[in-house]
Each structure stands twice: as structure tokens, then as C-alpha cells.
Amino acid sequence: MANRTLGTRQKLVFRGPDKGPGKAGVTGPRNPLVVPALLRKAGPHGKVAGALRQEEKRSAARQLQKLLGVLPTDGE
């Protein structure tokens, strides 16, 4: 069976800043609609309620340990 990945009519093209006949640098994406989409990227989100609640619980346990000098027990 013949290798059909690169046909005889297709040409392998390397694109990049230091390749090709002009060797010109890439000024931006070829698709002009990509630029506004990249500028609309979402930032980091806040913590969810469960994570905040767990952090408050850990903080309270640390403060209790600091005040009393004892580790909180797990129901013993």
C-alpha cells in the first residue's frame, strides 16, 4: 500500500520567521478575527463557596491552636 499522506501535487510548506523565500518575520495572525478574540480572554475566577468555607475552617483551627496551644481533636 502506498503512502498517501503527501500526494504528488501537494507541496510541503514550512512557515515561520526564518523560513521561506522572503524570510520575513511574522507580523501577526493571518486571520484578522483572531486579534479581538485574544483580547477578550477571561481572567482568573474567584474561589467557590466551598473553598472559602474550608479556608475559614482551617484559619479558625490555626487560631484556636495558637491561642490554646492544643490541636483540635476529632471527636475523642
N, C-alpha and C. Protein backbone atom coordinates (compact mmCIF):
# COMPACT_ATOMS: atom_id res chain seq x y z
N MET A 1 0.85 -1.17 0.00
CA MET A 1 0.00 0.00 0.00
C MET A 1 0.89 1.24 0.00
N ALA A 2 0.54 2.20 -0.77
CA ALA A 2 1.37 3.39 -0.94
C ALA A 2 1.12 4.38 0.21
N ASN A 3 2.09 5.21 0.44
CA ASN A 3 1.97 6.26 1.46
C ASN A 3 1.15 7.41 0.86
N ARG A 4 -0.01 7.65 1.44
CA ARG A 4 -0.90 8.66 0.87
C ARG A 4 -0.91 9.97 1.67
N THR A 5 0.01 10.14 2.58
CA THR A 5 -0.05 11.34 3.41
C THR A 5 0.37 12.58 2.64
N LEU A 6 1.31 12.47 1.73
CA LEU A 6 1.77 13.62 0.95
C LEU A 6 1.68 13.26 -0.52
N GLY A 7 0.65 13.74 -1.20
CA GLY A 7 0.45 13.41 -2.60
C GLY A 7 1.47 14.10 -3.49
N THR A 8 1.43 13.76 -4.75
CA THR A 8 2.42 14.32 -5.68
C THR A 8 2.11 15.77 -6.01
N ARG A 9 0.85 16.18 -5.92
CA ARG A 9 0.50 17.56 -6.25
C ARG A 9 0.59 18.49 -5.05
N GLN A 10 0.79 17.93 -3.86
CA GLN A 10 0.89 18.77 -2.68
C GLN A 10 2.34 19.14 -2.43
N LYS A 11 2.53 20.34 -1.93
CA LYS A 11 3.87 20.80 -1.64
C LYS A 11 3.98 21.00 -0.13
N LEU A 12 5.04 20.49 0.45
CA LEU A 12 5.28 20.67 1.86
C LEU A 12 5.80 22.08 2.10
N VAL A 13 5.11 22.85 2.94
CA VAL A 13 5.47 24.25 3.16
C VAL A 13 5.84 24.44 4.62
N PHE A 14 6.98 25.03 4.85
CA PHE A 14 7.41 25.38 6.20
C PHE A 14 7.16 26.86 6.40
N ARG A 15 6.37 27.18 7.43
CA ARG A 15 6.09 28.58 7.71
C ARG A 15 6.74 28.96 9.03
N GLY A 16 7.33 30.09 9.07
CA GLY A 16 7.98 30.56 10.28
C GLY A 16 8.78 31.82 10.00
N PRO A 17 9.33 32.45 11.03
CA PRO A 17 10.03 33.71 10.81
C PRO A 17 11.33 33.57 10.02
N ASP A 18 12.03 32.43 10.15
CA ASP A 18 13.31 32.30 9.47
C ASP A 18 13.25 31.33 8.30
N LYS A 19 12.06 31.04 7.82
CA LYS A 19 11.92 30.07 6.74
C LYS A 19 11.21 30.72 5.56
N GLY A 20 11.33 30.13 4.43
CA GLY A 20 10.64 30.62 3.25
C GLY A 20 11.52 31.54 2.43
N PRO A 21 11.05 31.88 1.23
CA PRO A 21 11.88 32.67 0.31
C PRO A 21 12.13 34.10 0.80
N GLY A 22 11.12 34.75 1.43
CA GLY A 22 11.30 36.12 1.86
C GLY A 22 12.00 36.25 3.19
N LYS A 23 11.92 35.22 4.01
CA LYS A 23 12.47 35.20 5.36
C LYS A 23 12.02 36.41 6.18
N ALA A 24 10.79 36.86 5.94
CA ALA A 24 10.25 37.99 6.69
C ALA A 24 9.64 37.50 7.99
N GLY A 25 9.68 38.33 9.01
CA GLY A 25 9.12 37.97 10.30
C GLY A 25 7.60 37.98 10.25
N VAL A 26 6.98 37.22 11.13
CA VAL A 26 5.53 37.15 11.20
C VAL A 26 5.05 38.39 11.96
N THR A 27 4.17 39.17 11.33
CA THR A 27 3.70 40.40 11.96
C THR A 27 2.47 40.15 12.83
N GLY A 28 1.72 39.10 12.57
CA GLY A 28 0.53 38.81 13.36
C GLY A 28 -0.17 37.61 12.79
N PRO A 29 -1.32 37.27 13.35
CA PRO A 29 -2.05 36.12 12.81
C PRO A 29 -2.61 36.43 11.43
N ARG A 30 -2.76 35.38 10.65
CA ARG A 30 -3.29 35.58 9.29
C ARG A 30 -4.78 35.88 9.31
N ASN A 31 -5.48 35.41 10.32
CA ASN A 31 -6.90 35.65 10.43
C ASN A 31 -7.12 36.92 11.25
N PRO A 32 -7.71 37.99 10.68
CA PRO A 32 -7.88 39.23 11.43
C PRO A 32 -8.90 39.12 12.56
N LEU A 33 -9.74 38.10 12.56
CA LEU A 33 -10.74 37.95 13.62
C LEU A 33 -10.14 37.34 14.89
N VAL A 34 -8.91 36.87 14.82
CA VAL A 34 -8.28 36.25 15.97
C VAL A 34 -7.87 37.30 17.00
N VAL A 35 -7.43 38.48 16.54
CA VAL A 35 -6.92 39.50 17.45
C VAL A 35 -7.96 39.95 18.46
N PRO A 36 -9.20 40.32 18.06
CA PRO A 36 -10.18 40.69 19.09
C PRO A 36 -10.54 39.54 20.01
N ALA A 37 -10.52 38.32 19.50
CA ALA A 37 -10.85 37.17 20.34
C ALA A 37 -9.77 36.96 21.40
N LEU A 38 -8.51 37.19 21.05
CA LEU A 38 -7.43 37.04 22.03
C LEU A 38 -7.50 38.13 23.10
N LEU A 39 -7.99 39.30 22.73
CA LEU A 39 -8.09 40.39 23.70
C LEU A 39 -9.25 40.19 24.66
N ARG A 40 -10.22 39.32 24.31
CA ARG A 40 -11.39 39.08 25.17
C ARG A 40 -11.19 37.91 26.12
N LYS A 41 -9.98 37.41 26.26
CA LYS A 41 -9.75 36.24 27.11
C LYS A 41 -10.19 36.53 28.54
N ALA A 42 -10.76 35.54 29.17
CA ALA A 42 -11.23 35.69 30.54
C ALA A 42 -10.06 35.61 31.50
N GLY A 43 -10.18 36.31 32.60
CA GLY A 43 -9.14 36.29 33.63
C GLY A 43 -9.41 35.20 34.64
N PRO A 44 -8.64 35.18 35.70
CA PRO A 44 -8.85 34.16 36.73
C PRO A 44 -10.15 34.42 37.49
N HIS A 45 -10.83 33.37 37.82
CA HIS A 45 -12.08 33.47 38.56
C HIS A 45 -11.81 33.42 40.05
N GLY A 46 -12.79 33.85 40.84
CA GLY A 46 -12.66 33.80 42.29
C GLY A 46 -12.87 32.39 42.81
N LYS A 47 -12.60 32.20 44.09
CA LYS A 47 -12.78 30.88 44.70
C LYS A 47 -14.26 30.60 44.88
N VAL A 48 -14.62 29.33 44.83
CA VAL A 48 -16.01 28.93 45.03
C VAL A 48 -16.31 28.93 46.52
N ALA A 49 -17.60 28.84 46.86
CA ALA A 49 -18.03 28.95 48.25
C ALA A 49 -17.43 27.84 49.11
N GLY A 50 -17.34 26.63 48.59
CA GLY A 50 -16.80 25.51 49.35
C GLY A 50 -15.34 25.74 49.72
N ALA A 51 -14.56 26.28 48.79
CA ALA A 51 -13.14 26.54 49.06
C ALA A 51 -12.99 27.64 50.11
N LEU A 52 -13.83 28.66 50.02
CA LEU A 52 -13.79 29.73 51.02
C LEU A 52 -14.15 29.21 52.41
N ARG A 53 -15.17 28.35 52.46
CA ARG A 53 -15.60 27.79 53.73
C ARG A 53 -14.49 26.91 54.35
N GLN A 54 -13.83 26.11 53.53
CA GLN A 54 -12.74 25.27 54.04
C GLN A 54 -11.58 26.12 54.53
N GLU A 55 -11.28 27.19 53.82
CA GLU A 55 -10.19 28.07 54.25
C GLU A 55 -10.51 28.75 55.57
N GLU A 56 -11.77 29.16 55.75
CA GLU A 56 -12.18 29.75 57.02
C GLU A 56 -12.07 28.73 58.16
N LYS A 57 -12.43 27.49 57.87
CA LYS A 57 -12.35 26.44 58.89
C LYS A 57 -10.89 26.19 59.29
N ARG A 58 -10.00 26.15 58.30
CA ARG A 58 -8.58 25.96 58.60
C ARG A 58 -8.02 27.15 59.37
N SER A 59 -8.44 28.35 59.00
CA SER A 59 -7.98 29.54 59.68
C SER A 59 -8.43 29.54 61.14
N ALA A 60 -9.68 29.17 61.39
CA ALA A 60 -10.19 29.11 62.76
C ALA A 60 -9.43 28.06 63.57
N ALA A 61 -9.11 26.92 62.96
CA ALA A 61 -8.36 25.87 63.66
C ALA A 61 -6.95 26.35 64.00
N ARG A 62 -6.32 27.10 63.08
CA ARG A 62 -4.99 27.63 63.34
C ARG A 62 -5.02 28.65 64.48
N GLN A 63 -6.03 29.51 64.49
CA GLN A 63 -6.14 30.50 65.56
C GLN A 63 -6.40 29.82 66.91
N LEU A 64 -7.23 28.79 66.91
CA LEU A 64 -7.51 28.05 68.14
C LEU A 64 -6.24 27.36 68.66
N GLN A 65 -5.49 26.80 67.74
CA GLN A 65 -4.24 26.13 68.13
C GLN A 65 -3.26 27.15 68.69
N LYS A 66 -3.21 28.34 68.10
CA LYS A 66 -2.29 29.37 68.56
C LYS A 66 -2.69 29.86 69.95
N LEU A 67 -3.99 30.03 70.19
CA LEU A 67 -4.46 30.53 71.48
C LEU A 67 -4.32 29.49 72.59
N LEU A 68 -4.75 28.28 72.32
CA LEU A 68 -4.78 27.25 73.35
C LEU A 68 -3.51 26.40 73.39
N GLY A 69 -2.80 26.36 72.30
CA GLY A 69 -1.60 25.52 72.24
C GLY A 69 -1.92 24.05 72.15
N VAL A 70 -3.15 23.72 71.75
CA VAL A 70 -3.56 22.33 71.64
C VAL A 70 -4.11 22.10 70.23
N LEU A 71 -3.94 20.90 69.78
CA LEU A 71 -4.54 20.53 68.49
C LEU A 71 -6.01 20.20 68.70
N PRO A 72 -6.90 20.65 67.82
CA PRO A 72 -8.30 20.27 67.96
C PRO A 72 -8.46 18.78 67.74
N THR A 73 -9.26 18.14 68.57
CA THR A 73 -9.47 16.70 68.46
C THR A 73 -10.55 16.40 67.44
N ASP A 74 -10.58 15.15 67.01
CA ASP A 74 -11.57 14.74 66.02
C ASP A 74 -12.70 13.96 66.66
N GLY A 75 -13.14 14.32 67.86
CA GLY A 75 -14.29 13.71 68.48
C GLY A 75 -13.95 12.66 69.52
N GLU A 76 -12.77 12.63 70.03
CA GLU A 76 -12.39 11.64 71.04
C GLU A 76 -12.85 12.06 72.40
